[in-house]
Amino acid sequence: LLTEVPARLVALPAQGGQLVHQFREPRNFGLQP
């Protein structure tokens, strides 16, 4: 997760909720179920 969190997390308010939703899927971490 630490390597996948975009550096723009702090400064792009429009995408934070999308990031949280996206990272709830294990495949988005490069992990298999």
PDB file of all heavy atoms in Angstrom:
ATOM      1  N   LEU A   1       0.830  -1.205   0.000  1.00  0.00           N
ATOM      2  CA  LEU A   1       0.000   0.000   0.000  1.00  0.00           C
ATOM      3  C   LEU A   1       0.861   1.250   0.000  1.00  0.00           C
ATOM      4  O   LEU A   1       0.602   2.218  -0.713  1.00  0.00           O
ATOM      5  CB  LEU A   1      -0.911  -0.015   1.233  1.00  0.00           C
ATOM      6  CG  LEU A   1      -1.713   1.273   1.513  1.00  0.00           C
ATOM      7  CD1 LEU A   1      -2.719   1.489   0.390  1.00  0.00           C
ATOM      8  CD2 LEU A   1      -2.421   1.189   2.855  1.00  0.00           C
ATOM      9  N   LEU A   2       1.916   1.250   0.811  1.00  0.00           N
ATOM     10  CA  LEU A   2       2.774   2.427   0.897  1.00  0.00           C
ATOM     11  C   LEU A   2       3.426   2.746  -0.437  1.00  0.00           C
ATOM     12  O   LEU A   2       3.688   3.900  -0.757  1.00  0.00           O
ATOM     13  CB  LEU A   2       3.847   2.216   1.972  1.00  0.00           C
ATOM     14  CG  LEU A   2       3.364   2.279   3.421  1.00  0.00           C
ATOM     15  CD1 LEU A   2       4.539   2.030   4.354  1.00  0.00           C
ATOM     16  CD2 LEU A   2       2.700   3.610   3.729  1.00  0.00           C
ATOM     17  N   THR A   3       3.704   1.754  -1.230  1.00  0.00           N
ATOM     18  CA  THR A   3       4.326   2.004  -2.524  1.00  0.00           C
ATOM     19  C   THR A   3       3.309   2.371  -3.586  1.00  0.00           C
ATOM     20  O   THR A   3       3.679   2.901  -4.628  1.00  0.00           O
ATOM     21  CB  THR A   3       5.107   0.767  -2.990  1.00  0.00           C
ATOM     22  OG1 THR A   3       4.192  -0.313  -3.164  1.00  0.00           O
ATOM     23  CG2 THR A   3       6.162   0.395  -1.977  1.00  0.00           C
ATOM     24  N   GLU A   4       2.018   2.096  -3.320  1.00  0.00           N
ATOM     25  CA  GLU A   4       0.987   2.371  -4.313  1.00  0.00           C
ATOM     26  C   GLU A   4       0.252   3.682  -4.070  1.00  0.00           C
ATOM     27  O   GLU A   4      -0.418   4.191  -4.947  1.00  0.00           O
ATOM     28  CB  GLU A   4      -0.046   1.227  -4.332  1.00  0.00           C
ATOM     29  CG  GLU A   4       0.513  -0.101  -4.802  1.00  0.00           C
ATOM     30  CD  GLU A   4       0.916  -0.051  -6.258  1.00  0.00           C
ATOM     31  OE1 GLU A   4       0.324   0.744  -6.998  1.00  0.00           O
ATOM     32  OE2 GLU A   4       1.830  -0.784  -6.649  1.00  0.00           O
ATOM     33  N   VAL A   5       0.341   4.225  -2.847  1.00  0.00           N
ATOM     34  CA  VAL A   5      -0.365   5.476  -2.564  1.00  0.00           C
ATOM     35  C   VAL A   5       0.248   6.582  -3.408  1.00  0.00           C
ATOM     36  O   VAL A   5       1.432   6.849  -3.306  1.00  0.00           O
ATOM     37  CB  VAL A   5      -0.249   5.854  -1.076  1.00  0.00           C
ATOM     38  CG1 VAL A   5      -0.828   7.241  -0.842  1.00  0.00           C
ATOM     39  CG2 VAL A   5      -0.980   4.842  -0.236  1.00  0.00           C
ATOM     40  N   PRO A   6      -0.527   7.262  -4.231  1.00  0.00           N
ATOM     41  CA  PRO A   6       0.027   8.324  -5.070  1.00  0.00           C
ATOM     42  C   PRO A   6       0.553   9.474  -4.230  1.00  0.00           C
ATOM     43  O   PRO A   6      -0.008   9.798  -3.189  1.00  0.00           O
ATOM     44  CB  PRO A   6      -1.176   8.767  -5.931  1.00  0.00           C
ATOM     45  CG  PRO A   6      -2.143   7.639  -5.866  1.00  0.00           C
ATOM     46  CD  PRO A   6      -1.948   7.009  -4.524  1.00  0.00           C
ATOM     47  N   ALA A   7       1.592  10.109  -4.712  1.00  0.00           N
ATOM     48  CA  ALA A   7       2.149  11.248  -3.993  1.00  0.00           C
ATOM     49  C   ALA A   7       1.184  12.418  -3.962  1.00  0.00           C
ATOM     50  O   ALA A   7       1.299  13.294  -3.121  1.00  0.00           O
ATOM     51  CB  ALA A   7       3.456  11.680  -4.664  1.00  0.00           C
ATOM     52  N   ARG A   8       0.214  12.417  -4.864  1.00  0.00           N
ATOM     53  CA  ARG A   8      -0.723  13.539  -4.910  1.00  0.00           C
ATOM     54  C   ARG A   8      -1.881  13.347  -3.945  1.00  0.00           C
ATOM     55  O   ARG A   8      -2.868  14.063  -4.005  1.00  0.00           O
ATOM     56  CB  ARG A   8      -1.266  13.728  -6.316  1.00  0.00           C
ATOM     57  CG  ARG A   8      -2.025  12.535  -6.883  1.00  0.00           C
ATOM     58  CD  ARG A   8      -2.494  12.843  -8.295  1.00  0.00           C
ATOM     59  NE  ARG A   8      -3.247  11.746  -8.874  1.00  0.00           N
ATOM     60  CZ  ARG A   8      -2.722  10.717  -9.486  1.00  0.00           C
ATOM     61  NH1 ARG A   8      -1.415  10.647  -9.614  1.00  0.00           N
ATOM     62  NH2 ARG A   8      -3.468   9.766  -9.998  1.00  0.00           N
ATOM     63  N   LEU A   9      -1.793  12.354  -3.055  1.00  0.00           N
ATOM     64  CA  LEU A   9      -2.876  12.091  -2.114  1.00  0.00           C
ATOM     65  C   LEU A   9      -3.232  13.345  -1.326  1.00  0.00           C
ATOM     66  O   LEU A   9      -4.401  13.663  -1.135  1.00  0.00           O
ATOM     67  CB  LEU A   9      -2.458  10.974  -1.157  1.00  0.00           C
ATOM     68  CG  LEU A   9      -3.399  10.703   0.033  1.00  0.00           C
ATOM     69  CD1 LEU A   9      -4.711  10.150  -0.489  1.00  0.00           C
ATOM     70  CD2 LEU A   9      -2.758   9.762   1.024  1.00  0.00           C
ATOM     71  N   VAL A  10      -2.219  14.079  -0.852  1.00  0.00           N
ATOM     72  CA  VAL A  10      -2.467  15.235  -0.009  1.00  0.00           C
ATOM     73  C   VAL A  10      -3.128  16.359  -0.779  1.00  0.00           C
ATOM     74  O   VAL A  10      -3.982  17.055  -0.266  1.00  0.00           O
ATOM     75  CB  VAL A  10      -1.133  15.723   0.609  1.00  0.00           C
ATOM     76  CG1 VAL A  10      -1.323  17.064   1.284  1.00  0.00           C
ATOM     77  CG2 VAL A  10      -0.625  14.696   1.597  1.00  0.00           C
ATOM     78  N   ALA A  11      -2.756  16.527  -2.041  1.00  0.00           N
ATOM     79  CA  ALA A  11      -3.126  17.755  -2.734  1.00  0.00           C
ATOM     80  C   ALA A  11      -4.262  17.635  -3.724  1.00  0.00           C
ATOM     81  O   ALA A  11      -4.688  18.637  -4.262  1.00  0.00           O
ATOM     82  CB  ALA A  11      -1.891  18.305  -3.469  1.00  0.00           C
ATOM     83  N   LEU A  12      -4.771  16.442  -3.982  1.00  0.00           N
ATOM     84  CA  LEU A  12      -5.873  16.307  -4.934  1.00  0.00           C
ATOM     85  C   LEU A  12      -7.137  15.875  -4.207  1.00  0.00           C
ATOM     86  O   LEU A  12      -7.401  14.692  -4.054  1.00  0.00           O
ATOM     87  CB  LEU A  12      -5.526  15.280  -6.022  1.00  0.00           C
ATOM     88  CG  LEU A  12      -4.550  15.754  -7.091  1.00  0.00           C
ATOM     89  CD1 LEU A  12      -4.401  14.688  -8.154  1.00  0.00           C
ATOM     90  CD2 LEU A  12      -4.998  17.049  -7.730  1.00  0.00           C
ATOM     91  N   PRO A  13      -7.937  16.825  -3.725  1.00  0.00           N
ATOM     92  CA  PRO A  13      -9.089  16.474  -2.907  1.00  0.00           C
ATOM     93  C   PRO A  13     -10.158  15.705  -3.646  1.00  0.00           C
ATOM     94  O   PRO A  13     -10.964  15.024  -3.044  1.00  0.00           O
ATOM     95  CB  PRO A  13      -9.614  17.849  -2.475  1.00  0.00           C
ATOM     96  CG  PRO A  13      -9.102  18.800  -3.481  1.00  0.00           C
ATOM     97  CD  PRO A  13      -7.769  18.260  -3.902  1.00  0.00           C
ATOM     98  N   ALA A  14     -10.196  15.773  -4.966  1.00  0.00           N
ATOM     99  CA  ALA A  14     -11.285  15.141  -5.708  1.00  0.00           C
ATOM    100  C   ALA A  14     -11.114  13.635  -5.844  1.00  0.00           C
ATOM    101  O   ALA A  14     -12.037  12.944  -6.229  1.00  0.00           O
ATOM    102  CB  ALA A  14     -11.401  15.764  -7.099  1.00  0.00           C
ATOM    103  N   GLN A  15      -9.922  13.084  -5.531  1.00  0.00           N
ATOM    104  CA  GLN A  15      -9.657  11.684  -5.819  1.00  0.00           C
ATOM    105  C   GLN A  15      -9.498  10.812  -4.581  1.00  0.00           C
ATOM    106  O   GLN A  15      -9.320   9.614  -4.703  1.00  0.00           O
ATOM    107  CB  GLN A  15      -8.384  11.545  -6.672  1.00  0.00           C
ATOM    108  CG  GLN A  15      -8.517  12.202  -8.029  1.00  0.00           C
ATOM    109  CD  GLN A  15      -7.286  11.932  -8.878  1.00  0.00           C
ATOM    110  OE1 GLN A  15      -6.413  11.194  -8.494  1.00  0.00           O
ATOM    111  NE2 GLN A  15      -7.247  12.554 -10.032  1.00  0.00           N
ATOM    112  N   GLY A  16      -9.549  11.406  -3.389  1.00  0.00           N
ATOM    113  CA  GLY A  16      -9.284  10.622  -2.187  1.00  0.00           C
ATOM    114  C   GLY A  16     -10.268   9.499  -1.993  1.00  0.00           C
ATOM    115  O   GLY A  16      -9.905   8.363  -1.714  1.00  0.00           O
ATOM    116  N   GLY A  17     -11.587   9.790  -2.127  1.00  0.00           N
ATOM    117  CA  GLY A  17     -12.584   8.750  -1.956  1.00  0.00           C
ATOM    118  C   GLY A  17     -12.430   7.646  -2.973  1.00  0.00           C
ATOM    119  O   GLY A  17     -12.594   6.463  -2.668  1.00  0.00           O
ATOM    120  N   GLN A  18     -12.088   7.997  -4.209  1.00  0.00           N
ATOM    121  CA  GLN A  18     -11.880   7.000  -5.250  1.00  0.00           C
ATOM    122  C   GLN A  18     -10.690   6.109  -4.911  1.00  0.00           C
ATOM    123  O   GLN A  18     -10.704   4.904  -5.153  1.00  0.00           O
ATOM    124  CB  GLN A  18     -11.655   7.681  -6.590  1.00  0.00           C
ATOM    125  CG  GLN A  18     -12.849   8.531  -7.048  1.00  0.00           C
ATOM    126  CD  GLN A  18     -12.529   9.284  -8.310  1.00  0.00           C
ATOM    127  OE1 GLN A  18     -11.497   9.098  -8.928  1.00  0.00           O
ATOM    128  NE2 GLN A  18     -13.445  10.157  -8.709  1.00  0.00           N
ATOM    129  N   LEU A  19      -9.638   6.700  -4.329  1.00  0.00           N
ATOM    130  CA  LEU A  19      -8.460   5.916  -3.983  1.00  0.00           C
ATOM    131  C   LEU A  19      -8.799   4.885  -2.909  1.00  0.00           C
ATOM    132  O   LEU A  19      -8.403   3.729  -2.988  1.00  0.00           O
ATOM    133  CB  LEU A  19      -7.348   6.840  -3.482  1.00  0.00           C
ATOM    134  CG  LEU A  19      -6.686   7.727  -4.539  1.00  0.00           C
ATOM    135  CD1 LEU A  19      -5.713   8.670  -3.875  1.00  0.00           C
ATOM    136  CD2 LEU A  19      -5.978   6.883  -5.579  1.00  0.00           C
ATOM    137  N   VAL A  20      -9.552   5.323  -1.895  1.00  0.00           N
ATOM    138  CA  VAL A  20      -9.915   4.396  -0.826  1.00  0.00           C
ATOM    139  C   VAL A  20     -10.747   3.257  -1.385  1.00  0.00           C
ATOM    140  O   VAL A  20     -10.528   2.086  -1.067  1.00  0.00           O
ATOM    141  CB  VAL A  20     -10.694   5.139   0.281  1.00  0.00           C
ATOM    142  CG1 VAL A  20     -11.222   4.140   1.305  1.00  0.00           C
ATOM    143  CG2 VAL A  20      -9.803   6.162   0.958  1.00  0.00           C
ATOM    144  N   HIS A  21     -11.713   3.577  -2.245  1.00  0.00           N
ATOM    145  CA  HIS A  21     -12.548   2.538  -2.839  1.00  0.00           C
ATOM    146  C   HIS A  21     -11.718   1.606  -3.713  1.00  0.00           C
ATOM    147  O   HIS A  21     -11.873   0.389  -3.686  1.00  0.00           O
ATOM    148  CB  HIS A  21     -13.653   3.184  -3.668  1.00  0.00           C
ATOM    149  CG  HIS A  21     -14.510   2.172  -4.389  1.00  0.00           C
ATOM    150  ND1 HIS A  21     -15.430   1.378  -3.736  1.00  0.00           N
ATOM    151  CD2 HIS A  21     -14.559   1.825  -5.703  1.00  0.00           C
ATOM    152  CE1 HIS A  21     -16.030   0.587  -4.610  1.00  0.00           C
ATOM    153  NE2 HIS A  21     -15.524   0.833  -5.810  1.00  0.00           N
ATOM    154  N   GLN A  22     -10.796   2.180  -4.479  1.00  0.00           N
ATOM    155  CA  GLN A  22      -9.977   1.382  -5.388  1.00  0.00           C
ATOM    156  C   GLN A  22      -9.076   0.423  -4.619  1.00  0.00           C
ATOM    157  O   GLN A  22      -8.941  -0.747  -4.960  1.00  0.00           O
ATOM    158  CB  GLN A  22      -9.126   2.302  -6.249  1.00  0.00           C
ATOM    159  CG  GLN A  22      -8.155   1.554  -7.158  1.00  0.00           C
ATOM    160  CD  GLN A  22      -7.239   2.507  -7.894  1.00  0.00           C
ATOM    161  OE1 GLN A  22      -7.315   3.712  -7.705  1.00  0.00           O
ATOM    162  NE2 GLN A  22      -6.377   1.964  -8.704  1.00  0.00           N
ATOM    163  N   PHE A  23      -8.455   0.919  -3.541  1.00  0.00           N
ATOM    164  CA  PHE A  23      -7.491   0.109  -2.821  1.00  0.00           C
ATOM    165  C   PHE A  23      -8.146  -0.943  -1.923  1.00  0.00           C
ATOM    166  O   PHE A  23      -7.464  -1.735  -1.297  1.00  0.00           O
ATOM    167  CB  PHE A  23      -6.581   1.004  -1.966  1.00  0.00           C
ATOM    168  CG  PHE A  23      -5.603   1.777  -2.791  1.00  0.00           C
ATOM    169  CD1 PHE A  23      -5.252   3.072  -2.434  1.00  0.00           C
ATOM    170  CD2 PHE A  23      -5.042   1.229  -3.924  1.00  0.00           C
ATOM    171  CE1 PHE A  23      -4.359   3.791  -3.198  1.00  0.00           C
ATOM    172  CE2 PHE A  23      -4.143   1.946  -4.682  1.00  0.00           C
ATOM    173  CZ  PHE A  23      -3.815   3.223  -4.315  1.00  0.00           C
ATOM    174  N   ARG A  24      -9.484  -0.953  -1.854  1.00  0.00           N
ATOM    175  CA  ARG A  24     -10.147  -2.012  -1.113  1.00  0.00           C
ATOM    176  C   ARG A  24     -10.109  -3.340  -1.875  1.00  0.00           C
ATOM    177  O   ARG A  24     -10.362  -4.396  -1.299  1.00  0.00           O
ATOM    178  CB  ARG A  24     -11.599  -1.618  -0.807  1.00  0.00           C
ATOM    179  CG  ARG A  24     -11.716  -0.536   0.238  1.00  0.00           C
ATOM    180  CD  ARG A  24     -13.166  -0.299   0.644  1.00  0.00           C
ATOM    181  NE  ARG A  24     -13.274   0.826   1.546  1.00  0.00           N
ATOM    182  CZ  ARG A  24     -13.055   0.760   2.856  1.00  0.00           C
ATOM    183  NH1 ARG A  24     -12.703  -0.389   3.397  1.00  0.00           N
ATOM    184  NH2 ARG A  24     -13.178   1.823   3.607  1.00  0.00           N
ATOM    185  N   GLU A  25      -9.819  -3.265  -3.176  1.00  0.00           N
ATOM    186  CA  GLU A  25      -9.735  -4.483  -3.966  1.00  0.00           C
ATOM    187  C   GLU A  25      -8.316  -5.026  -3.905  1.00  0.00           C
ATOM    188  O   GLU A  25      -7.362  -4.333  -4.256  1.00  0.00           O
ATOM    189  CB  GLU A  25     -10.119  -4.194  -5.415  1.00  0.00           C
ATOM    190  CG  GLU A  25     -11.562  -3.763  -5.589  1.00  0.00           C
ATOM    191  CD  GLU A  25     -12.532  -4.869  -5.221  1.00  0.00           C
ATOM    192  OE1 GLU A  25     -12.145  -6.055  -5.369  1.00  0.00           O
ATOM    193  OE2 GLU A  25     -13.647  -4.568  -4.771  1.00  0.00           O
ATOM    194  N   PRO A  26      -8.117  -6.265  -3.457  1.00  0.00           N
ATOM    195  CA  PRO A  26      -6.758  -6.817  -3.328  1.00  0.00           C
ATOM    196  C   PRO A  26      -5.968  -6.775  -4.620  1.00  0.00           C
ATOM    197  O   PRO A  26      -4.765  -6.572  -4.608  1.00  0.00           O
ATOM    198  CB  PRO A  26      -7.019  -8.262  -2.870  1.00  0.00           C
ATOM    199  CG  PRO A  26      -8.362  -8.203  -2.212  1.00  0.00           C
ATOM    200  CD  PRO A  26      -9.139  -7.176  -2.992  1.00  0.00           C
ATOM    201  N   ARG A  27      -6.638  -6.968  -5.753  1.00  0.00           N
ATOM    202  CA  ARG A  27      -5.911  -6.990  -7.028  1.00  0.00           C
ATOM    203  C   ARG A  27      -5.232  -5.658  -7.301  1.00  0.00           C
ATOM    204  O   ARG A  27      -4.248  -5.596  -8.019  1.00  0.00           O
ATOM    205  CB  ARG A  27      -6.868  -7.343  -8.172  1.00  0.00           C
ATOM    206  CG  ARG A  27      -7.399  -8.763  -8.133  1.00  0.00           C
ATOM    207  CD  ARG A  27      -8.260  -9.041  -9.350  1.00  0.00           C
ATOM    208  NE  ARG A  27      -8.779 -10.399  -9.340  1.00  0.00           N
ATOM    209  CZ  ARG A  27      -9.895 -10.751  -8.732  1.00  0.00           C
ATOM    210  NH1 ARG A  27     -10.595  -9.839  -8.072  1.00  0.00           N
ATOM    211  NH2 ARG A  27     -10.315 -12.004  -8.762  1.00  0.00           N
ATOM    212  N   ASN A  28      -5.766  -4.570  -6.754  1.00  0.00           N
ATOM    213  CA  ASN A  28      -5.183  -3.274  -6.980  1.00  0.00           C
ATOM    214  C   ASN A  28      -3.866  -3.091  -6.221  1.00  0.00           C
ATOM    215  O   ASN A  28      -3.173  -2.111  -6.401  1.00  0.00           O
ATOM    216  CB  ASN A  28      -6.170  -2.170  -6.582  1.00  0.00           C
ATOM    217  CG  ASN A  28      -7.337  -2.085  -7.533  1.00  0.00           C
ATOM    218  OD1 ASN A  28      -7.180  -2.309  -8.717  1.00  0.00           O
ATOM    219  ND2 ASN A  28      -8.525  -1.795  -7.013  1.00  0.00           N
ATOM    220  N   PHE A  29      -3.565  -4.029  -5.297  1.00  0.00           N
ATOM    221  CA  PHE A  29      -2.291  -3.999  -4.631  1.00  0.00           C
ATOM    222  C   PHE A  29      -1.274  -4.877  -5.319  1.00  0.00           C
ATOM    223  O   PHE A  29      -0.152  -5.038  -4.838  1.00  0.00           O
ATOM    224  CB  PHE A  29      -2.427  -4.461  -3.175  1.00  0.00           C
ATOM    225  CG  PHE A  29      -3.173  -3.511  -2.304  1.00  0.00           C
ATOM    226  CD1 PHE A  29      -4.501  -3.720  -1.997  1.00  0.00           C
ATOM    227  CD2 PHE A  29      -2.549  -2.386  -1.819  1.00  0.00           C
ATOM    228  CE1 PHE A  29      -5.186  -2.841  -1.201  1.00  0.00           C
ATOM    229  CE2 PHE A  29      -3.241  -1.491  -1.030  1.00  0.00           C
ATOM    230  CZ  PHE A  29      -4.555  -1.705  -0.721  1.00  0.00           C
ATOM    231  N   GLY A  30      -1.661  -5.533  -6.403  1.00  0.00           N
ATOM    232  CA  GLY A  30      -0.793  -6.500  -7.016  1.00  0.00           C
ATOM    233  C   GLY A  30      -0.818  -7.811  -6.272  1.00  0.00           C
ATOM    234  O   GLY A  30       0.079  -8.643  -6.417  1.00  0.00           O
ATOM    235  N   LEU A  31      -1.878  -8.038  -5.452  1.00  0.00           N
ATOM    236  CA  LEU A  31      -2.013  -9.269  -4.681  1.00  0.00           C
ATOM    237  C   LEU A  31      -3.117 -10.134  -5.282  1.00  0.00           C
ATOM    238  O   LEU A  31      -4.087  -9.609  -5.812  1.00  0.00           O
ATOM    239  CB  LEU A  31      -2.349  -8.976  -3.221  1.00  0.00           C
ATOM    240  CG  LEU A  31      -1.347  -8.088  -2.456  1.00  0.00           C
ATOM    241  CD1 LEU A  31      -1.878  -7.807  -1.077  1.00  0.00           C
ATOM    242  CD2 LEU A  31       0.005  -8.775  -2.374  1.00  0.00           C
ATOM    243  N   GLN A  32      -3.003 -11.388  -5.175  1.00  0.00           N
ATOM    244  CA  GLN A  32      -4.046 -12.302  -5.606  1.00  0.00           C
ATOM    245  C   GLN A  32      -4.947 -12.611  -4.404  1.00  0.00           C
ATOM    246  O   GLN A  32      -4.500 -12.583  -3.252  1.00  0.00           O
ATOM    247  CB  GLN A  32      -3.434 -13.599  -6.154  1.00  0.00           C
ATOM    248  CG  GLN A  32      -2.574 -13.373  -7.381  1.00  0.00           C
ATOM    249  CD  GLN A  32      -3.359 -12.788  -8.540  1.00  0.00           C
ATOM    250  OE1 GLN A  32      -4.527 -13.107  -8.725  1.00  0.00           O
ATOM    251  NE2 GLN A  32      -2.734 -11.910  -9.299  1.00  0.00           N
ATOM    252  N   PRO A  33      -6.221 -12.872  -4.657  1.00  0.00           N
ATOM    253  CA  PRO A  33      -7.135 -13.164  -3.543  1.00  0.00           C
ATOM    254  C   PRO A  33      -6.640 -14.264  -2.632  1.00  0.00           C
ATOM    255  O   PRO A  33      -6.844 -14.219  -1.420  1.00  0.00           O
ATOM    256  CB  PRO A  33      -8.427 -13.570  -4.261  1.00  0.00           C
ATOM    257  CG  PRO A  33      -8.364 -12.890  -5.597  1.00  0.00           C
ATOM    258  CD  PRO A  33      -6.906 -12.903  -5.955  1.00  0.00           C
TER     259      PRO A  33
END
